[in-house]
Amino acid sequence: MTDPGEIWIARLTPTGGGSVEQLLTVPLGLDVWERRADSLVVAATEAQLGELERRGLADVERWSTRAQYVQDHDA
């Protein structure tokens, strides 16, 4: 089972006619790393990502855990 507090690097794509702007107003405390015209790249807990999915606000593409990201990009 996934730890609900584990931090993921993920891409969020709005669903159901939503927009990036609407995702930015959701009070989940997302750490936005990059804003694109059609998506956001964020660092967020599994619980935050799950809530976005549960509410049908975004398609979530989990890229890696933050720990793995740091390990892969630490020079």
C-alpha atoms as a PDB file:
ATOM      1  CA  MET A   1       0.000   0.000   0.000  1.00  0.00           C
ATOM      2  CA  THR A   2       1.223   3.481  -0.838  1.00  0.00           C
ATOM      3  CA  ASP A   3       2.059   5.862   2.021  1.00  0.00           C
ATOM      4  CA  PRO A   4      -0.493   8.721   1.850  1.00  0.00           C
ATOM      5  CA  GLY A   5       2.217  11.146   3.021  1.00  0.00           C
ATOM      6  CA  GLU A   6       4.745  10.147   0.375  1.00  0.00           C
ATOM      7  CA  ILE A   7       5.640  13.034  -1.944  1.00  0.00           C
ATOM      8  CA  TRP A   8       5.313  12.461  -5.687  1.00  0.00           C
ATOM      9  CA  ILE A   9       6.417  14.475  -8.694  1.00  0.00           C
ATOM     10  CA  ALA A  10       3.415  14.363 -11.017  1.00  0.00           C
ATOM     11  CA  ARG A  11       1.767  15.968 -13.994  1.00  0.00           C
ATOM     12  CA  LEU A  12      -1.832  17.113 -13.521  1.00  0.00           C
ATOM     13  CA  THR A  13      -4.069  17.546 -16.541  1.00  0.00           C
ATOM     14  CA  PRO A  14      -7.492  19.105 -15.909  1.00  0.00           C
ATOM     15  CA  THR A  15     -10.499  16.895 -16.671  1.00  0.00           C
ATOM     16  CA  GLY A  16     -14.148  17.488 -17.422  1.00  0.00           C
ATOM     17  CA  GLY A  17     -13.728  20.861 -19.071  1.00  0.00           C
ATOM     18  CA  GLY A  18     -11.640  22.163 -16.178  1.00  0.00           C
ATOM     19  CA  SER A  19      -8.635  24.414 -16.548  1.00  0.00           C
ATOM     20  CA  VAL A  20      -5.165  24.862 -15.116  1.00  0.00           C
ATOM     21  CA  GLU A  21      -6.419  28.025 -13.433  1.00  0.00           C
ATOM     22  CA  GLN A  22      -9.137  26.037 -11.658  1.00  0.00           C
ATOM     23  CA  LEU A  23      -6.584  23.484 -10.440  1.00  0.00           C
ATOM     24  CA  LEU A  24      -4.550  26.328  -8.976  1.00  0.00           C
ATOM     25  CA  THR A  25      -7.529  27.415  -6.870  1.00  0.00           C
ATOM     26  CA  VAL A  26      -8.144  23.995  -5.287  1.00  0.00           C
ATOM     27  CA  PRO A  27      -7.185  24.418  -1.605  1.00  0.00           C
ATOM     28  CA  LEU A  28      -4.874  21.406  -1.340  1.00  0.00           C
ATOM     29  CA  GLY A  29      -1.564  23.226  -0.892  1.00  0.00           C
ATOM     30  CA  LEU A  30       0.074  21.817  -4.025  1.00  0.00           C
ATOM     31  CA  ASP A  31       3.740  22.671  -4.589  1.00  0.00           C
ATOM     32  CA  VAL A  32       3.633  23.802  -8.230  1.00  0.00           C
ATOM     33  CA  TRP A  33       6.956  23.307  -9.994  1.00  0.00           C
ATOM     34  CA  GLU A  34       5.875  24.199 -13.511  1.00  0.00           C
ATOM     35  CA  ARG A  35       2.788  25.686 -15.071  1.00  0.00           C
ATOM     36  CA  ARG A  36       2.056  24.781 -18.669  1.00  0.00           C
ATOM     37  CA  ALA A  37      -0.852  25.854 -20.864  1.00  0.00           C
ATOM     38  CA  ASP A  38      -2.590  22.486 -20.440  1.00  0.00           C
ATOM     39  CA  SER A  39      -1.086  20.988 -17.275  1.00  0.00           C
ATOM     40  CA  LEU A  40       0.825  21.488 -14.038  1.00  0.00           C
ATOM     41  CA  VAL A  41       3.920  19.725 -12.755  1.00  0.00           C
ATOM     42  CA  VAL A  42       3.679  19.450  -8.983  1.00  0.00           C
ATOM     43  CA  ALA A  43       5.200  17.908  -5.892  1.00  0.00           C
ATOM     44  CA  ALA A  44       2.298  16.566  -3.856  1.00  0.00           C
ATOM     45  CA  THR A  45       1.465  13.889  -1.354  1.00  0.00           C
ATOM     46  CA  GLU A  46      -0.269  10.712  -2.421  1.00  0.00           C
ATOM     47  CA  ALA A  47      -3.262  11.921  -0.393  1.00  0.00           C
ATOM     48  CA  GLN A  48      -3.418  15.213  -2.340  1.00  0.00           C
ATOM     49  CA  LEU A  49      -3.145  13.436  -5.687  1.00  0.00           C
ATOM     50  CA  GLY A  50      -5.761  10.905  -4.653  1.00  0.00           C
ATOM     51  CA  GLU A  51      -8.160  13.698  -3.686  1.00  0.00           C
ATOM     52  CA  LEU A  52      -7.759  15.333  -7.107  1.00  0.00           C
ATOM     53  CA  GLU A  53      -8.518  11.986  -8.758  1.00  0.00           C
ATOM     54  CA  ARG A  54     -11.420  11.208  -6.406  1.00  0.00           C
ATOM     55  CA  ARG A  55     -13.046  14.566  -7.157  1.00  0.00           C
ATOM     56  CA  GLY A  56     -12.505  14.139 -10.911  1.00  0.00           C
ATOM     57  CA  LEU A  57     -10.537  17.372 -11.160  1.00  0.00           C
ATOM     58  CA  ALA A  58      -7.393  16.067 -12.855  1.00  0.00           C
ATOM     59  CA  ASP A  59      -5.769  13.142 -14.559  1.00  0.00           C
ATOM     60  CA  VAL A  60      -2.689  12.413 -12.486  1.00  0.00           C
ATOM     61  CA  GLU A  61       0.486  11.018 -14.038  1.00  0.00           C
ATOM     62  CA  ARG A  62       2.871  10.089 -11.228  1.00  0.00           C
ATOM     63  CA  TRP A  63       6.428  10.419 -12.531  1.00  0.00           C
ATOM     64  CA  SER A  64       8.448   9.418  -9.454  1.00  0.00           C
ATOM     65  CA  THR A  65       8.662   9.881  -5.739  1.00  0.00           C
ATOM     66  CA  ARG A  66      10.532  12.970  -4.623  1.00  0.00           C
ATOM     67  CA  ALA A  67      13.222  10.769  -3.047  1.00  0.00           C
ATOM     68  CA  GLN A  68      13.751   8.928  -6.341  1.00  0.00           C
ATOM     69  CA  TYR A  69      13.757  12.205  -8.276  1.00  0.00           C
ATOM     70  CA  VAL A  70      16.447  13.664  -6.007  1.00  0.00           C
ATOM     71  CA  GLN A  71      18.496  10.468  -6.238  1.00  0.00           C
ATOM     72  CA  ASP A  72      18.257  10.430 -10.049  1.00  0.00           C
ATOM     73  CA  HIS A  73      19.129  14.126 -10.414  1.00  0.00           C
ATOM     74  CA  ASP A  74      21.736  14.526  -7.659  1.00  0.00           C
ATOM     75  CA  ALA A  75      25.085  15.173  -9.291  1.00  0.00           C
END
